[in-house]
Amino acid sequence: MTEGAAGMDVVAAPIEPIELGRGSRVLVPTGLALEIPHGYEVQVRPRSGLALRHGVTLANAPGTIDSDYRGELGIILINLGDEPFVVSRGDRVAQLVVCPVVQAEVVSVETLEDTERGSGGFGHTGTR
């Protein structure tokens, strides 16, 4: 919607409005199909306004659209809010960001190099 926006909005294209109940998820059609160049993906990300105002976000954020996918783009919305939410044709429901992809070569090894962090994870550095 603005020149500096990283993502492009994607709109819903259901034939009839879709009611998304509390705690429910739904696949929202968009009517869009993409041809993404090899070496790129398109990430599907939530819209912050929907999340803040209504508790509606993506069930799989960020979603990934692979370069070899040619079907219709569907947005998996989930309602984490307190009230039902209605998705109507033309509603902006997500944003798309084009990103380069590096495909790694997986190599099986017996051991890993040591680091200062080691296997510490899940908050091992505390909150302050």
N, C-alpha and C. Protein backbone atom coordinates (compact mmCIF):
# COMPACT_ATOMS: atom_id res chain seq x y z
N MET A 1 0.81 -1.21 0.00
CA MET A 1 0.00 0.00 0.00
C MET A 1 0.85 1.27 0.00
N THR A 2 2.15 1.14 0.42
CA THR A 2 3.03 2.31 0.41
C THR A 2 4.32 1.96 -0.33
N GLU A 3 5.04 2.98 -0.76
CA GLU A 3 6.26 2.78 -1.53
C GLU A 3 7.33 2.00 -0.77
N GLY A 4 7.41 2.19 0.54
CA GLY A 4 8.43 1.52 1.33
C GLY A 4 8.03 0.18 1.89
N ALA A 5 6.83 -0.30 1.58
CA ALA A 5 6.36 -1.58 2.12
C ALA A 5 7.15 -2.74 1.53
N ALA A 6 7.59 -3.65 2.39
CA ALA A 6 8.32 -4.83 1.94
C ALA A 6 7.38 -5.87 1.34
N GLY A 7 6.17 -5.93 1.87
CA GLY A 7 5.21 -6.93 1.42
C GLY A 7 4.13 -6.33 0.56
N MET A 8 3.56 -7.16 -0.32
CA MET A 8 2.41 -6.73 -1.12
C MET A 8 1.18 -7.41 -0.54
N ASP A 9 0.13 -6.64 -0.36
CA ASP A 9 -1.09 -7.19 0.21
C ASP A 9 -1.73 -8.17 -0.76
N VAL A 10 -2.34 -9.20 -0.19
CA VAL A 10 -3.11 -10.15 -0.97
C VAL A 10 -4.53 -10.14 -0.44
N VAL A 11 -5.49 -10.16 -1.35
CA VAL A 11 -6.89 -10.04 -0.95
C VAL A 11 -7.61 -11.38 -1.08
N ALA A 12 -8.65 -11.52 -0.27
CA ALA A 12 -9.49 -12.70 -0.30
C ALA A 12 -10.41 -12.66 -1.51
N ALA A 13 -10.73 -13.85 -2.03
CA ALA A 13 -11.64 -13.93 -3.18
C ALA A 13 -12.67 -15.04 -3.01
N PRO A 14 -13.30 -15.13 -1.82
CA PRO A 14 -14.33 -16.15 -1.68
C PRO A 14 -15.59 -15.73 -2.46
N ILE A 15 -16.34 -16.71 -2.91
CA ILE A 15 -17.59 -16.39 -3.61
C ILE A 15 -18.58 -15.78 -2.63
N GLU A 16 -18.68 -16.36 -1.45
CA GLU A 16 -19.54 -15.86 -0.37
C GLU A 16 -18.66 -15.53 0.83
N PRO A 17 -19.08 -14.60 1.70
CA PRO A 17 -18.30 -14.32 2.91
C PRO A 17 -18.09 -15.59 3.74
N ILE A 18 -16.94 -15.67 4.39
CA ILE A 18 -16.57 -16.81 5.23
C ILE A 18 -16.55 -16.35 6.68
N GLU A 19 -17.33 -17.01 7.55
CA GLU A 19 -17.27 -16.68 8.98
C GLU A 19 -16.25 -17.58 9.64
N LEU A 20 -15.30 -16.95 10.29
CA LEU A 20 -14.23 -17.65 10.99
C LEU A 20 -14.50 -17.55 12.48
N GLY A 21 -14.97 -18.64 13.07
CA GLY A 21 -15.31 -18.65 14.49
C GLY A 21 -14.07 -18.62 15.37
N ARG A 22 -14.29 -18.34 16.65
CA ARG A 22 -13.18 -18.34 17.62
C ARG A 22 -12.48 -19.68 17.60
N GLY A 23 -11.15 -19.65 17.49
CA GLY A 23 -10.36 -20.88 17.51
C GLY A 23 -10.41 -21.67 16.21
N SER A 24 -11.10 -21.17 15.20
CA SER A 24 -11.23 -21.89 13.93
C SER A 24 -10.18 -21.43 12.93
N ARG A 25 -9.95 -22.28 11.95
CA ARG A 25 -9.06 -21.92 10.85
C ARG A 25 -9.76 -22.26 9.54
N VAL A 26 -9.36 -21.56 8.50
CA VAL A 26 -10.00 -21.75 7.20
C VAL A 26 -9.00 -21.43 6.10
N LEU A 27 -9.15 -22.11 4.96
CA LEU A 27 -8.34 -21.82 3.78
C LEU A 27 -9.11 -20.80 2.95
N VAL A 28 -8.55 -19.61 2.83
CA VAL A 28 -9.20 -18.52 2.11
C VAL A 28 -8.68 -18.48 0.68
N PRO A 29 -9.56 -18.60 -0.30
CA PRO A 29 -9.11 -18.51 -1.69
C PRO A 29 -8.73 -17.08 -2.05
N THR A 30 -7.79 -16.96 -3.01
CA THR A 30 -7.36 -15.63 -3.45
C THR A 30 -7.58 -15.40 -4.94
N GLY A 31 -7.76 -16.48 -5.69
CA GLY A 31 -7.88 -16.34 -7.14
C GLY A 31 -6.54 -16.06 -7.82
N LEU A 32 -5.44 -16.11 -7.06
CA LEU A 32 -4.11 -15.80 -7.60
C LEU A 32 -3.30 -17.08 -7.81
N ALA A 33 -2.50 -17.08 -8.86
CA ALA A 33 -1.47 -18.09 -9.07
C ALA A 33 -0.20 -17.32 -9.45
N LEU A 34 0.94 -17.84 -9.02
CA LEU A 34 2.21 -17.14 -9.22
C LEU A 34 3.18 -18.00 -10.01
N GLU A 35 4.04 -17.36 -10.77
CA GLU A 35 5.17 -18.04 -11.40
C GLU A 35 6.42 -17.41 -10.81
N ILE A 36 6.98 -18.09 -9.83
CA ILE A 36 8.12 -17.58 -9.06
C ILE A 36 9.40 -18.12 -9.69
N PRO A 37 10.38 -17.25 -9.96
CA PRO A 37 11.64 -17.72 -10.55
C PRO A 37 12.36 -18.71 -9.64
N HIS A 38 13.04 -19.69 -10.26
CA HIS A 38 13.87 -20.64 -9.51
C HIS A 38 14.88 -19.84 -8.68
N GLY A 39 15.10 -20.26 -7.43
CA GLY A 39 16.03 -19.56 -6.55
C GLY A 39 15.33 -18.56 -5.65
N TYR A 40 14.00 -18.48 -5.75
CA TYR A 40 13.21 -17.58 -4.91
C TYR A 40 12.04 -18.34 -4.32
N GLU A 41 11.49 -17.79 -3.28
CA GLU A 41 10.23 -18.24 -2.68
C GLU A 41 9.41 -16.99 -2.44
N VAL A 42 8.13 -17.16 -2.21
CA VAL A 42 7.29 -16.07 -1.73
C VAL A 42 6.82 -16.46 -0.34
N GLN A 43 7.10 -15.61 0.63
CA GLN A 43 6.64 -15.86 2.00
C GLN A 43 5.29 -15.20 2.19
N VAL A 44 4.38 -15.94 2.81
CA VAL A 44 3.05 -15.43 3.15
C VAL A 44 3.10 -15.06 4.62
N ARG A 45 2.87 -13.79 4.91
CA ARG A 45 2.99 -13.30 6.28
C ARG A 45 1.67 -12.68 6.75
N PRO A 46 1.47 -12.66 8.07
CA PRO A 46 0.24 -12.07 8.61
C PRO A 46 0.21 -10.55 8.41
N ARG A 47 -0.96 -9.99 8.55
CA ARG A 47 -1.12 -8.54 8.57
C ARG A 47 -1.26 -8.13 10.03
N SER A 48 -0.42 -7.21 10.46
CA SER A 48 -0.38 -6.84 11.88
C SER A 48 -1.69 -6.24 12.37
N GLY A 49 -2.39 -5.50 11.53
CA GLY A 49 -3.66 -4.90 11.94
C GLY A 49 -4.72 -5.94 12.25
N LEU A 50 -4.78 -7.00 11.45
CA LEU A 50 -5.74 -8.07 11.72
C LEU A 50 -5.41 -8.77 13.03
N ALA A 51 -4.12 -9.00 13.26
CA ALA A 51 -3.70 -9.67 14.49
C ALA A 51 -4.01 -8.83 15.72
N LEU A 52 -3.69 -7.54 15.66
CA LEU A 52 -3.90 -6.66 16.82
C LEU A 52 -5.38 -6.41 17.09
N ARG A 53 -6.14 -6.06 16.05
CA ARG A 53 -7.53 -5.67 16.25
C ARG A 53 -8.49 -6.85 16.43
N HIS A 54 -8.19 -7.98 15.75
CA HIS A 54 -9.16 -9.08 15.73
C HIS A 54 -8.59 -10.42 16.20
N GLY A 55 -7.28 -10.52 16.40
CA GLY A 55 -6.68 -11.80 16.77
C GLY A 55 -6.64 -12.78 15.61
N VAL A 56 -6.72 -12.27 14.38
CA VAL A 56 -6.70 -13.12 13.19
C VAL A 56 -5.30 -13.08 12.58
N THR A 57 -4.73 -14.26 12.38
CA THR A 57 -3.37 -14.37 11.87
C THR A 57 -3.26 -15.60 10.98
N LEU A 58 -2.07 -15.96 10.59
CA LEU A 58 -1.85 -17.15 9.77
C LEU A 58 -1.56 -18.34 10.67
N ALA A 59 -2.11 -19.48 10.31
CA ALA A 59 -1.88 -20.69 11.09
C ALA A 59 -0.48 -21.24 10.87
N ASN A 60 0.18 -20.84 9.80
CA ASN A 60 1.51 -21.36 9.47
C ASN A 60 2.45 -20.23 9.08
N ALA A 61 2.57 -19.25 9.93
CA ALA A 61 3.35 -18.05 9.58
C ALA A 61 4.84 -18.26 9.82
N PRO A 62 5.71 -17.88 8.89
CA PRO A 62 5.32 -17.52 7.53
C PRO A 62 5.08 -18.76 6.69
N GLY A 63 4.14 -18.67 5.79
CA GLY A 63 3.94 -19.73 4.82
C GLY A 63 4.93 -19.56 3.69
N THR A 64 5.21 -20.64 2.99
CA THR A 64 6.14 -20.58 1.87
C THR A 64 5.45 -21.05 0.60
N ILE A 65 5.62 -20.28 -0.47
CA ILE A 65 5.18 -20.71 -1.80
C ILE A 65 6.46 -21.02 -2.58
N ASP A 66 6.62 -22.27 -2.96
CA ASP A 66 7.82 -22.71 -3.67
C ASP A 66 7.77 -22.28 -5.14
N SER A 67 8.95 -22.19 -5.74
CA SER A 67 9.04 -21.71 -7.12
C SER A 67 8.39 -22.65 -8.12
N ASP A 68 8.21 -23.92 -7.77
CA ASP A 68 7.60 -24.86 -8.72
C ASP A 68 6.11 -25.07 -8.50
N TYR A 69 5.49 -24.35 -7.57
CA TYR A 69 4.05 -24.47 -7.33
C TYR A 69 3.30 -23.60 -8.33
N ARG A 70 2.27 -24.15 -8.94
CA ARG A 70 1.50 -23.42 -9.95
C ARG A 70 0.01 -23.35 -9.65
N GLY A 71 -0.42 -23.81 -8.49
CA GLY A 71 -1.84 -23.77 -8.16
C GLY A 71 -2.27 -22.44 -7.58
N GLU A 72 -3.54 -22.38 -7.22
CA GLU A 72 -4.09 -21.16 -6.61
C GLU A 72 -3.49 -20.95 -5.22
N LEU A 73 -3.17 -19.72 -4.93
CA LEU A 73 -2.68 -19.34 -3.61
C LEU A 73 -3.85 -19.32 -2.63
N GLY A 74 -3.72 -20.09 -1.55
CA GLY A 74 -4.71 -20.09 -0.48
C GLY A 74 -4.06 -19.60 0.80
N ILE A 75 -4.79 -18.83 1.58
CA ILE A 75 -4.28 -18.28 2.83
C ILE A 75 -4.94 -19.01 4.00
N ILE A 76 -4.14 -19.60 4.88
CA ILE A 76 -4.69 -20.33 6.03
C ILE A 76 -4.80 -19.36 7.20
N LEU A 77 -6.01 -18.85 7.44
CA LEU A 77 -6.25 -17.93 8.54
C LEU A 77 -6.71 -18.70 9.76
N ILE A 78 -6.34 -18.20 10.95
CA ILE A 78 -6.83 -18.73 12.21
C ILE A 78 -7.30 -17.56 13.06
N ASN A 79 -8.39 -17.77 13.76
CA ASN A 79 -8.98 -16.73 14.60
C ASN A 79 -8.62 -17.03 16.06
N LEU A 80 -7.67 -16.28 16.59
CA LEU A 80 -7.27 -16.40 18.00
C LEU A 80 -7.97 -15.36 18.85
N GLY A 81 -8.87 -14.61 18.24
CA GLY A 81 -9.56 -13.53 18.94
C GLY A 81 -10.75 -14.01 19.75
N ASP A 82 -11.46 -13.05 20.33
CA ASP A 82 -12.59 -13.33 21.21
C ASP A 82 -13.93 -13.38 20.48
N GLU A 83 -13.97 -12.89 19.25
CA GLU A 83 -15.22 -12.80 18.49
C GLU A 83 -15.06 -13.47 17.13
N PRO A 84 -16.17 -13.94 16.54
CA PRO A 84 -16.10 -14.44 15.17
C PRO A 84 -15.63 -13.32 14.24
N PHE A 85 -15.01 -13.71 13.14
CA PHE A 85 -14.49 -12.75 12.17
C PHE A 85 -14.98 -13.16 10.79
N VAL A 86 -15.46 -12.20 10.02
CA VAL A 86 -15.96 -12.48 8.67
C VAL A 86 -14.95 -12.01 7.63
N VAL A 87 -14.62 -12.92 6.71
CA VAL A 87 -13.73 -12.61 5.60
C VAL A 87 -14.59 -12.45 4.35
N SER A 88 -14.52 -11.28 3.73
CA SER A 88 -15.31 -10.98 2.54
C SER A 88 -14.40 -10.79 1.33
N ARG A 89 -14.96 -10.95 0.17
CA ARG A 89 -14.23 -10.74 -1.07
C ARG A 89 -13.62 -9.34 -1.08
N GLY A 90 -12.33 -9.25 -1.39
CA GLY A 90 -11.63 -7.97 -1.44
C GLY A 90 -10.94 -7.57 -0.14
N ASP A 91 -11.18 -8.32 0.95
CA ASP A 91 -10.48 -8.02 2.22
C ASP A 91 -9.01 -8.37 2.09
N ARG A 92 -8.15 -7.49 2.59
CA ARG A 92 -6.71 -7.78 2.63
C ARG A 92 -6.46 -8.71 3.81
N VAL A 93 -5.97 -9.91 3.52
CA VAL A 93 -5.87 -10.94 4.55
C VAL A 93 -4.44 -11.38 4.87
N ALA A 94 -3.48 -11.01 4.04
CA ALA A 94 -2.09 -11.41 4.26
C ALA A 94 -1.21 -10.51 3.42
N GLN A 95 0.09 -10.73 3.54
CA GLN A 95 1.03 -10.02 2.68
C GLN A 95 2.06 -11.01 2.15
N LEU A 96 2.57 -10.71 0.96
CA LEU A 96 3.53 -11.58 0.30
C LEU A 96 4.86 -10.87 0.20
N VAL A 97 5.94 -11.59 0.51
CA VAL A 97 7.30 -11.04 0.42
C VAL A 97 8.13 -12.01 -0.42
N VAL A 98 8.76 -11.50 -1.47
CA VAL A 98 9.62 -12.31 -2.33
C VAL A 98 11.01 -12.38 -1.70
N CYS A 99 11.54 -13.61 -1.55
CA CYS A 99 12.83 -13.79 -0.88
C CYS A 99 13.71 -14.77 -1.66
N PRO A 100 15.03 -14.49 -1.71
CA PRO A 100 15.93 -15.47 -2.32
C PRO A 100 16.06 -16.70 -1.43
N VAL A 101 16.34 -17.83 -2.04
CA VAL A 101 16.47 -19.10 -1.32
C VAL A 101 17.84 -19.70 -1.62
N VAL A 102 18.52 -20.14 -0.59
CA VAL A 102 19.76 -20.89 -0.75
C VAL A 102 19.44 -22.33 -0.41
N GLN A 103 19.66 -23.23 -1.34
CA GLN A 103 19.39 -24.63 -1.09
C GLN A 103 20.67 -25.29 -0.60
N ALA A 104 20.60 -25.81 0.62
CA ALA A 104 21.78 -26.39 1.26
C ALA A 104 21.99 -27.83 0.83
N GLU A 105 23.24 -28.24 0.87
CA GLU A 105 23.58 -29.65 0.67
C GLU A 105 23.71 -30.26 2.06
N VAL A 106 22.93 -31.28 2.34
CA VAL A 106 22.95 -31.92 3.65
C VAL A 106 24.05 -32.97 3.68
N VAL A 107 24.90 -32.90 4.72
CA VAL A 107 26.01 -33.83 4.88
C VAL A 107 25.89 -34.47 6.26
N SER A 108 25.92 -35.79 6.31
CA SER A 108 25.85 -36.52 7.57
C SER A 108 27.24 -36.56 8.21
N VAL A 109 27.32 -36.19 9.51
CA VAL A 109 28.58 -36.21 10.24
C VAL A 109 28.38 -36.89 11.59
N GLU A 110 29.47 -37.33 12.20
CA GLU A 110 29.40 -37.97 13.51
C GLU A 110 29.41 -36.94 14.64
N THR A 111 30.14 -35.82 14.45
CA THR A 111 30.25 -34.81 15.50
C THR A 111 30.15 -33.42 14.87
N LEU A 112 29.86 -32.43 15.70
CA LEU A 112 29.81 -31.03 15.28
C LEU A 112 30.91 -30.25 15.97
N GLU A 113 31.36 -29.17 15.35
CA GLU A 113 32.35 -28.30 15.98
C GLU A 113 31.74 -27.67 17.22
N ASP A 114 32.57 -27.48 18.28
CA ASP A 114 32.11 -26.81 19.49
C ASP A 114 31.98 -25.31 19.26
N THR A 115 31.04 -24.69 19.98
CA THR A 115 30.89 -23.23 19.99
C THR A 115 30.72 -22.78 21.43
N GLU A 116 30.83 -21.49 21.67
CA GLU A 116 30.65 -20.97 23.03
C GLU A 116 29.24 -21.29 23.53
N ARG A 117 28.26 -21.21 22.66
CA ARG A 117 26.87 -21.47 23.05
C ARG A 117 26.62 -22.95 23.26
N GLY A 118 27.21 -23.78 22.45
CA GLY A 118 26.98 -25.21 22.56
C GLY A 118 25.54 -25.57 22.25
N SER A 119 24.95 -26.43 23.08
CA SER A 119 23.57 -26.87 22.85
C SER A 119 22.55 -26.03 23.62
N GLY A 120 22.98 -24.94 24.24
CA GLY A 120 22.04 -24.08 24.99
C GLY A 120 21.02 -23.46 24.06
N GLY A 121 19.77 -23.54 24.44
CA GLY A 121 18.69 -22.98 23.62
C GLY A 121 17.46 -22.73 24.47
N PHE A 122 16.40 -22.28 23.83
CA PHE A 122 15.12 -22.06 24.49
C PHE A 122 15.26 -21.19 25.73
N GLY A 123 15.83 -20.00 25.54
CA GLY A 123 15.92 -19.04 26.63
C GLY A 123 17.11 -19.21 27.54
N HIS A 124 18.13 -19.90 27.10
CA HIS A 124 19.27 -20.18 27.98
C HIS A 124 20.01 -18.92 28.42
N THR A 125 19.82 -17.79 27.71
CA THR A 125 20.51 -16.56 28.11
C THR A 125 19.67 -15.71 29.05
N GLY A 126 18.47 -16.16 29.41
CA GLY A 126 17.63 -15.40 30.34
C GLY A 126 16.81 -14.34 29.62
N THR A 127 16.18 -13.45 30.42
CA THR A 127 15.34 -12.41 29.86
C THR A 127 15.91 -11.02 30.04
N ARG A 128 17.04 -10.88 30.73
CA ARG A 128 17.64 -9.56 30.94
C ARG A 128 19.09 -9.56 30.55
